[in-house]
Amino acid sequence: MNKRDFLKLAAAAPLAASPVRLYAAASSTSARLLLVFLRGGYDASNVLVPVGSSFYYESRPNIAVPRPGSAAKAALPLDGDWGLHPALGASLLPLYQQGQLAFVPFAGTRDLSRSHFQTQDTIELGQAHDGRRNYQSGFLNRLAATLAGQSRAISFTDRVPVAFRGELQVPNMALKQVRKPAVDPVQTAVIAEMYRDTPYARAIDEGISVRDGVMQNMAAEMEAASRNAITARGFELEARRIARLMRDRYNVGFVDVGGWDTHVGQGGAEGFLANRLEQLGSGIAAYAAEMGAQWNDTVVIVLSEFGRTFRENGSRGTDHGHGTVYWIAGGSVRGGRTAGEQIQLRQSTLHQNRDYPVLTEYRALCGGLFARVYGFGAPQLERVFPGTSPVDLGLV
């Protein structure tokens, strides 16, 4: 049996058939769930790097992460098909090697809009894909309500997110906003002064003006896509405080991290995306450490509204895509692997000849996780994710 057939069989296995231990329903007060939403659509192909795909390297001549061993900063080998971005080597690789982190590639929604806002809402609402939406019923609120009084939920955001809208009143706690201007005014002034009173002065001034306008527009788009979420650096600084609150007081949490809309100058092993990944990874590792013994009862889900185009664009960045990669972390997670159905990455297997396809639908994935973490049966799962059949990947 080849790897793909095995993964298909595992994904289709019923919940009751798995030998992996279930969390008992009575443990819902001790179980800790944190959802980390990467707003802006992060580039999954440069995080879980498809090192076994020559098409990846053909498609990204400027921003691909080098194959393991081929450069000083190259992908860290996970198996023959996948590598990890080197910026995550100090933070996430140890969790992966300890079996406490798994990746689910080709995951996402059936939403094909490629709109930040629509797809973010699709995920947070967690409702049937029938065109009708109740914006007062987010799936995390339904989860908390289904826990029948055993839930202590909180959102680490400046306002209650769509995911927590609903019948239960959920508190929110704004995190510090750590932001950096898109254009460095000091650097701009120095360049302009260097060329003042030269034949190039006018061209330099016009170039700076155009550059500033473009960068400000891109910063505005990224800000909008992030919906006022904390930055990756902000998450790194606040992760331990979040962990203490989750460890001692709350058992269902939500935090969003913005800044992933990398249309321009994304970088490869180094650069814009790499810096944010390093900060995000440090935050996840700090969260795990601060949870202490409670980490063994913790599940962290890291997701984004969509992935990005498989090919780089003309600005050495990537555009809005479709399928992405989810991360599942925790002390009891059966990690150290990539889970779910997978395919060989080549032009013919891309969605609409541009994106990762979605082979694991997010509601089915989360439903399978909730069945294990909380011992939910069909009625409870139907309340949280109506019309969805859970997929058990044996992740906990």
Protein backbone atom coordinates (compact mmCIF):
# COMPACT_ATOMS: atom_id res chain seq x y z
CA MET A 1 0.00 0.00 0.00
CA ASN A 2 1.47 3.37 -0.97
CA LYS A 3 1.49 6.45 1.22
CA ARG A 4 -1.41 8.14 -0.53
CA ASP A 5 -3.68 5.07 -0.31
CA PHE A 6 -2.82 4.61 3.35
CA LEU A 7 -3.66 8.24 4.13
CA LYS A 8 -6.96 7.95 2.28
CA LEU A 9 -7.84 4.86 4.29
CA ALA A 10 -6.88 6.57 7.55
CA ALA A 11 -8.94 9.63 6.72
CA ALA A 12 -12.00 7.52 5.97
CA ALA A 13 -11.78 5.38 9.10
CA PRO A 14 -14.74 5.75 11.47
CA LEU A 15 -14.13 7.28 14.87
CA ALA A 16 -14.96 4.13 16.77
CA ALA A 17 -12.47 2.04 14.81
CA SER A 18 -9.39 3.96 15.91
CA PRO A 19 -7.27 2.45 18.69
CA VAL A 20 -6.08 5.87 19.83
CA ARG A 21 -7.38 6.94 23.23
CA LEU A 22 -10.26 9.37 23.35
CA TYR A 23 -10.56 12.24 25.74
CA ALA A 24 -13.56 11.41 27.92
CA ALA A 25 -16.51 13.79 27.81
CA ALA A 26 -16.05 14.37 31.52
CA SER A 27 -12.61 15.79 30.80
CA SER A 28 -14.00 18.78 28.93
CA THR A 29 -13.22 20.99 31.92
CA SER A 30 -9.55 19.99 31.82
CA ALA A 31 -9.17 19.97 28.03
CA ARG A 32 -7.84 23.24 26.63
CA LEU A 33 -8.52 24.36 23.07
CA LEU A 34 -6.87 27.42 21.51
CA LEU A 35 -7.66 28.47 17.95
CA VAL A 36 -4.96 30.65 16.35
CA PHE A 37 -6.31 32.35 13.23
CA LEU A 38 -3.65 33.68 10.82
CA ARG A 39 -5.56 36.47 9.11
CA GLY A 40 -4.46 37.45 5.63
CA GLY A 41 -3.94 34.01 4.09
CA TYR A 42 -0.45 32.73 4.92
CA ASP A 43 1.75 31.06 2.32
CA ALA A 44 1.58 27.44 3.42
CA SER A 45 3.90 26.28 0.61
CA ASN A 46 6.81 28.12 2.21
CA VAL A 47 6.05 26.76 5.68
CA LEU A 48 5.44 23.08 5.02
CA VAL A 49 7.72 23.05 2.00
CA PRO A 50 7.02 20.45 -0.73
CA VAL A 51 10.69 19.60 -1.13
CA GLY A 52 9.87 16.48 -3.16
CA SER A 53 8.17 18.54 -5.89
CA SER A 54 10.37 19.84 -8.70
CA PHE A 55 7.33 21.82 -9.86
CA TYR A 56 7.52 23.85 -6.64
CA TYR A 57 11.04 25.00 -7.50
CA GLU A 58 10.11 25.70 -11.11
CA SER A 59 7.14 27.79 -9.94
CA ARG A 60 9.11 29.86 -7.44
CA PRO A 61 12.47 30.84 -8.91
CA ASN A 62 12.93 33.71 -6.43
CA ILE A 63 11.05 32.76 -3.26
CA ALA A 64 11.32 28.97 -2.96
CA VAL A 65 12.86 27.64 0.25
CA PRO A 66 15.92 25.58 -0.82
CA ARG A 67 15.94 21.81 -0.61
CA PRO A 68 17.38 20.34 2.60
CA GLY A 69 21.17 20.43 2.59
CA SER A 70 21.45 22.58 -0.52
CA ALA A 71 22.08 25.92 1.20
CA ALA A 72 23.07 27.41 4.53
CA LYS A 73 19.42 28.24 5.19
CA ALA A 74 17.35 25.48 3.66
CA ALA A 75 14.20 23.55 4.45
CA LEU A 76 14.52 21.22 7.43
CA PRO A 77 13.71 17.66 6.32
CA LEU A 78 10.56 16.08 7.75
CA ASP A 79 10.21 13.22 5.25
CA GLY A 80 10.82 12.61 1.58
CA ASP A 81 7.98 14.88 0.52
CA TRP A 82 8.01 17.73 3.00
CA GLY A 83 10.39 20.08 4.79
CA LEU A 84 9.92 22.83 7.37
CA HIS A 85 10.84 26.48 6.90
CA PRO A 86 14.22 27.08 8.62
CA ALA A 87 12.79 30.03 10.60
CA LEU A 88 10.77 27.45 12.57
CA GLY A 89 13.72 25.22 13.39
CA ALA A 90 14.27 26.48 16.93
CA SER A 91 10.58 26.62 17.86
CA LEU A 92 8.34 24.17 16.03
CA LEU A 93 10.79 21.49 14.91
CA PRO A 94 11.33 20.24 18.50
CA LEU A 95 7.55 19.94 18.98
CA TYR A 96 7.30 18.03 15.71
CA GLN A 97 10.17 15.71 16.67
CA GLN A 98 8.55 15.09 20.07
CA GLY A 99 5.35 14.05 18.32
CA GLN A 100 3.44 17.08 19.61
CA LEU A 101 2.84 18.82 16.28
CA ALA A 102 1.20 17.57 13.09
CA PHE A 103 0.52 19.28 9.79
CA VAL A 104 -2.58 18.76 7.66
CA PRO A 105 -1.82 19.86 4.07
CA PHE A 106 -4.51 20.42 1.45
CA ALA A 107 -6.94 21.61 4.12
CA GLY A 108 -9.44 24.44 3.94
CA THR A 109 -12.97 25.43 2.99
CA ARG A 110 -15.24 24.97 -0.01
CA ASP A 111 -15.39 28.77 -0.30
CA LEU A 112 -13.95 29.73 -3.69
CA SER A 113 -14.28 33.51 -3.37
CA ARG A 114 -10.62 34.16 -2.47
CA SER A 115 -11.99 37.06 -0.43
CA HIS A 116 -10.32 37.57 2.95
CA PHE A 117 -13.52 38.67 4.62
CA GLN A 118 -15.92 36.18 3.10
CA THR A 119 -13.62 33.21 3.69
CA GLN A 120 -12.75 34.30 7.22
CA ASP A 121 -16.47 34.51 7.94
CA THR A 122 -17.00 31.10 6.35
CA ILE A 123 -14.54 29.55 8.77
CA GLU A 124 -15.69 31.41 11.86
CA LEU A 125 -19.36 30.71 11.24
CA GLY A 126 -18.77 27.02 10.48
CA GLN A 127 -22.19 26.69 8.88
CA ALA A 128 -23.44 24.65 5.94
CA HIS A 129 -22.27 25.72 2.48
CA ASP A 130 -25.77 26.46 1.24
CA GLY A 131 -25.49 30.22 0.75
CA ARG A 132 -27.42 31.08 3.91
CA ARG A 133 -25.54 32.60 6.82
CA ASN A 134 -26.51 33.43 10.36
CA TYR A 135 -23.93 35.98 11.46
CA GLN A 136 -25.03 35.62 15.08
CA SER A 137 -23.91 32.00 15.39
CA GLY A 138 -20.18 31.28 15.33
CA PHE A 139 -18.91 27.73 15.68
CA LEU A 140 -16.81 28.37 18.81
CA ASN A 141 -19.86 29.81 20.56
CA ARG A 142 -21.82 26.70 19.57
CA LEU A 143 -18.96 24.55 20.84
CA ALA A 144 -18.94 26.37 24.17
CA ALA A 145 -22.73 26.04 24.45
CA THR A 146 -22.54 22.32 23.63
CA LEU A 147 -20.15 21.80 26.54
CA ALA A 148 -23.21 22.44 28.75
CA GLY A 149 -21.88 24.67 31.47
CA GLN A 150 -18.37 23.21 31.46
CA SER A 151 -17.04 25.87 29.11
CA ARG A 152 -15.02 28.90 30.15
CA ALA A 153 -14.39 30.69 26.87
CA ILE A 154 -12.43 33.83 26.05
CA SER A 155 -11.29 35.72 22.97
CA PHE A 156 -7.88 37.41 23.07
CA THR A 157 -8.97 40.14 20.67
CA ASP A 158 -10.05 43.78 20.81
CA ARG A 159 -13.62 42.76 19.92
CA VAL A 160 -15.58 39.53 20.04
CA PRO A 161 -14.86 37.70 16.75
CA VAL A 162 -17.49 36.15 14.50
CA ALA A 163 -16.49 32.70 15.78
CA PHE A 164 -17.70 33.60 19.29
CA ARG A 165 -20.97 35.28 18.34
CA GLY A 166 -24.01 33.48 19.69
CA GLU A 167 -26.15 32.61 22.67
CA LEU A 168 -23.33 32.59 25.21
CA GLN A 169 -21.70 35.80 26.39
CA VAL A 170 -17.97 35.45 25.76
CA PRO A 171 -15.48 37.95 27.22
CA ASN A 172 -12.69 39.38 25.13
CA MET A 173 -9.32 40.80 26.15
CA ALA A 174 -7.43 43.03 23.72
CA LEU A 175 -3.74 42.29 23.28
CA LYS A 176 -1.01 44.85 22.75
CA GLN A 177 -0.73 46.12 19.20
CA VAL A 178 2.88 45.93 18.07
CA ARG A 179 3.07 47.50 14.64
CA LYS A 180 5.78 48.78 12.30
CA PRO A 181 5.23 51.40 9.59
CA ALA A 182 5.25 50.05 6.04
CA VAL A 183 7.70 52.71 4.82
CA ASP A 184 10.76 53.88 6.78
CA PRO A 185 10.62 57.72 6.60
CA VAL A 186 14.23 58.13 7.78
CA GLN A 187 15.58 55.88 5.04
CA THR A 188 13.47 57.69 2.44
CA ALA A 189 14.77 61.10 3.56
CA VAL A 190 18.40 59.92 3.41
CA ILE A 191 18.02 58.63 -0.15
CA ALA A 192 16.31 61.83 -1.30
CA GLU A 193 19.07 63.97 0.26
CA MET A 194 21.79 61.91 -1.43
CA TYR A 195 20.45 62.82 -4.88
CA ARG A 196 19.35 66.38 -4.21
CA ASP A 197 20.71 68.91 -6.75
CA THR A 198 21.69 66.14 -9.17
CA PRO A 199 20.19 65.25 -12.57
CA TYR A 200 18.55 62.26 -10.86
CA ALA A 201 16.74 64.23 -8.15
CA ARG A 202 13.39 64.48 -9.93
CA ALA A 203 13.35 60.80 -10.92
CA ILE A 204 14.29 59.79 -7.36
CA ASP A 205 11.55 61.97 -5.86
CA GLU A 206 8.97 60.57 -8.26
CA GLY A 207 10.13 57.02 -7.57
CA ILE A 208 9.89 57.51 -3.83
CA SER A 209 6.43 59.00 -4.20
CA VAL A 210 5.21 56.04 -6.27
CA ARG A 211 6.88 53.53 -3.92
CA ASP A 212 5.33 55.17 -0.85
CA GLY A 213 1.90 55.20 -2.44
CA VAL A 214 2.09 51.53 -3.41
CA MET A 215 3.43 50.45 -0.02
CA GLN A 216 0.79 52.46 1.83
CA ASN A 217 -1.93 50.88 -0.30
CA MET A 218 -0.53 47.41 0.34
CA ALA A 219 -0.24 48.15 4.06
CA ALA A 220 -3.87 49.28 4.07
CA GLU A 221 -4.92 46.05 2.36
CA MET A 222 -2.92 43.95 4.81
CA GLU A 223 -4.39 45.91 7.73
CA ALA A 224 -7.90 45.37 6.43
CA ALA A 225 -7.29 41.65 5.82
CA SER A 226 -5.96 41.34 9.37
CA ARG A 227 -9.15 42.81 10.91
CA ASN A 228 -7.15 44.53 13.66
CA ALA A 229 -5.49 41.26 14.66
CA ILE A 230 -2.30 41.37 16.68
CA THR A 231 0.94 41.06 14.67
CA ALA A 232 3.19 38.01 14.78
CA ARG A 233 5.59 39.93 17.02
CA GLY A 234 2.70 40.86 19.26
CA PHE A 235 1.70 37.22 19.54
CA GLU A 236 5.24 36.24 20.53
CA LEU A 237 5.18 38.81 23.33
CA GLU A 238 1.73 37.85 24.58
CA ALA A 239 1.75 34.06 24.21
CA ARG A 240 2.88 33.38 27.77
CA ARG A 241 0.17 35.63 29.20
CA ILE A 242 -2.42 33.85 27.07
CA ALA A 243 -1.08 30.50 28.29
CA ARG A 244 -1.35 31.47 31.95
CA LEU A 245 -4.97 32.48 31.50
CA MET A 246 -5.79 29.35 29.53
CA ARG A 247 -3.97 27.17 32.03
CA ASP A 248 -5.58 28.62 35.14
CA ARG A 249 -8.96 29.96 34.11
CA TYR A 250 -10.24 29.30 30.57
CA ASN A 251 -10.63 26.20 28.44
CA VAL A 252 -11.73 27.52 25.01
CA GLY A 253 -9.75 30.40 23.52
CA PHE A 254 -9.34 32.34 20.29
CA VAL A 255 -6.57 34.65 19.11
CA ASP A 256 -5.96 36.11 15.67
CA VAL A 257 -2.59 37.08 14.23
CA GLY A 258 -2.45 39.40 11.22
CA GLY A 259 0.12 40.33 8.59
CA TRP A 260 0.11 37.32 6.23
CA ASP A 261 -1.11 38.93 3.00
CA THR A 262 2.25 38.73 1.19
CA HIS A 263 1.64 40.04 -2.32
CA VAL A 264 5.00 41.84 -2.55
CA GLY A 265 8.54 40.93 -1.45
CA GLN A 266 7.58 37.82 0.48
CA GLY A 267 11.07 36.35 0.61
CA GLY A 268 12.11 32.71 0.80
CA ALA A 269 14.32 31.25 3.51
CA GLU A 270 14.86 34.82 4.68
CA GLY A 271 12.86 38.02 4.47
CA PHE A 272 9.39 39.30 5.29
CA LEU A 273 7.56 36.00 5.72
CA ALA A 274 10.52 34.31 7.43
CA ASN A 275 10.64 37.01 10.10
CA ARG A 276 6.96 36.60 10.90
CA LEU A 277 7.22 32.84 10.98
CA GLU A 278 10.08 33.03 13.45
CA GLN A 279 7.97 35.24 15.73
CA LEU A 280 4.89 33.07 15.37
CA GLY A 281 6.82 29.87 16.02
CA SER A 282 8.45 31.41 19.10
CA GLY A 283 4.99 32.32 20.36
CA ILE A 284 3.65 28.78 19.91
CA ALA A 285 6.71 27.31 21.66
CA ALA A 286 6.38 29.83 24.51
CA TYR A 287 2.70 28.95 24.87
CA ALA A 288 3.54 25.24 25.11
CA ALA A 289 6.23 25.85 27.73
CA GLU A 290 4.04 28.13 29.85
CA MET A 291 1.15 25.64 29.89
CA GLY A 292 3.31 23.25 31.92
CA ALA A 293 1.57 19.97 32.76
CA GLN A 294 -1.66 21.32 31.26
CA TRP A 295 -0.01 21.11 27.83
CA ASN A 296 -0.86 17.40 27.87
CA ASP A 297 -4.58 18.31 27.79
CA THR A 298 -4.16 21.10 25.23
CA VAL A 299 -4.95 21.23 21.54
CA VAL A 300 -3.85 24.23 19.49
CA ILE A 301 -5.30 24.63 16.00
CA VAL A 302 -3.47 27.05 13.70
CA LEU A 303 -5.33 27.92 10.51
CA SER A 304 -5.80 30.66 7.93
CA GLU A 305 -8.66 31.62 5.62
CA PHE A 306 -6.86 30.24 2.56
CA GLY A 307 -3.43 29.50 1.17
CA ARG A 308 -1.70 31.39 -1.60
CA THR A 309 -0.96 30.84 -5.25
CA PHE A 310 1.50 28.05 -5.89
CA ARG A 311 3.44 30.16 -8.37
CA GLU A 312 5.12 33.39 -7.32
CA ASN A 313 3.82 36.59 -8.89
CA GLY A 314 5.71 39.37 -10.68
CA SER A 315 6.36 41.18 -7.39
CA ARG A 316 8.14 38.20 -5.81
CA GLY A 317 5.15 37.51 -3.65
CA THR A 318 2.05 35.33 -3.81
CA ASP A 319 -1.62 36.07 -4.32
CA HIS A 320 -4.87 34.82 -2.79
CA GLY A 321 -5.21 31.06 -3.12
CA HIS A 322 -7.41 28.21 -1.92
CA GLY A 323 -6.12 25.17 -0.03
CA THR A 324 -3.67 25.63 2.83
CA VAL A 325 -1.96 23.75 5.68
CA TYR A 326 -3.40 23.50 9.20
CA TRP A 327 -1.23 22.92 12.26
CA ILE A 328 -2.39 20.78 15.20
CA ALA A 329 -0.26 20.98 18.34
CA GLY A 330 -0.52 19.72 21.92
CA GLY A 331 1.00 17.38 24.46
CA SER A 332 -1.36 14.53 23.53
CA VAL A 333 -1.36 15.19 19.79
CA ARG A 334 -0.18 12.27 17.67
CA GLY A 335 2.22 14.42 15.74
CA GLY A 336 5.56 14.10 14.04
CA ARG A 337 3.73 13.57 10.74
CA THR A 338 1.64 15.08 7.99
CA ALA A 339 -1.95 13.84 8.12
CA GLY A 340 -4.89 13.64 5.75
CA GLU A 341 -5.20 12.90 2.06
CA GLN A 342 -2.27 14.08 -0.04
CA ILE A 343 -1.35 14.27 -3.71
CA GLN A 344 1.74 14.81 -5.80
CA LEU A 345 2.19 18.50 -6.55
CA ARG A 346 2.37 19.19 -10.26
CA GLN A 347 0.56 21.47 -12.66
CA SER A 348 -2.23 18.97 -13.36
CA THR A 349 -3.10 18.55 -9.68
CA LEU A 350 -3.44 22.24 -8.81
CA HIS A 351 -6.86 23.72 -8.19
CA GLN A 352 -7.75 25.87 -11.22
CA ASN A 353 -4.09 25.61 -12.26
CA ARG A 354 -3.02 27.94 -9.44
CA ASP A 355 -3.67 26.71 -5.88
CA TYR A 356 -3.57 23.79 -3.49
CA PRO A 357 -6.82 21.85 -3.77
CA VAL A 358 -8.84 21.27 -0.60
CA LEU A 359 -8.82 17.55 0.21
CA THR A 360 -9.65 17.86 3.94
CA GLU A 361 -12.56 20.19 4.66
CA TYR A 362 -12.03 22.21 7.83
CA ARG A 363 -15.38 21.51 9.50
CA ALA A 364 -14.93 17.77 9.02
CA LEU A 365 -11.38 18.01 10.40
CA CYS A 366 -12.40 20.06 13.44
CA GLY A 367 -15.42 17.82 14.00
CA GLY A 368 -13.15 14.79 14.19
CA LEU A 369 -10.91 16.59 16.66
CA PHE A 370 -13.85 17.64 18.85
CA ALA A 371 -15.18 14.09 18.86
CA ARG A 372 -11.91 12.93 20.37
CA VAL A 373 -11.18 15.85 22.66
CA TYR A 374 -14.68 16.13 24.13
CA GLY A 375 -16.16 12.71 23.47
CA PHE A 376 -18.87 14.25 21.31
CA GLY A 377 -21.31 12.00 19.52
CA ALA A 378 -23.32 12.75 16.40
CA PRO A 379 -25.91 15.06 18.08
CA GLN A 380 -23.25 17.31 19.64
CA LEU A 381 -21.21 17.47 16.42
CA GLU A 382 -24.33 18.32 14.44
CA ARG A 383 -24.94 21.26 16.77
CA VAL A 384 -21.41 22.60 16.30
CA PHE A 385 -21.03 21.83 12.58
CA PRO A 386 -24.48 21.19 11.11
CA GLY A 387 -24.58 18.94 8.06
CA THR A 388 -20.98 17.80 8.41
CA SER A 389 -19.60 14.28 8.76
CA PRO A 390 -16.44 14.33 10.93
CA VAL A 391 -13.17 13.03 9.55
CA ASP A 392 -10.99 11.29 12.11
CA LEU A 393 -7.29 11.65 11.35
CA GLY A 394 -6.28 10.20 14.72
CA LEU A 395 -4.61 13.45 15.69
CA VAL A 396 -5.28 13.06 19.43
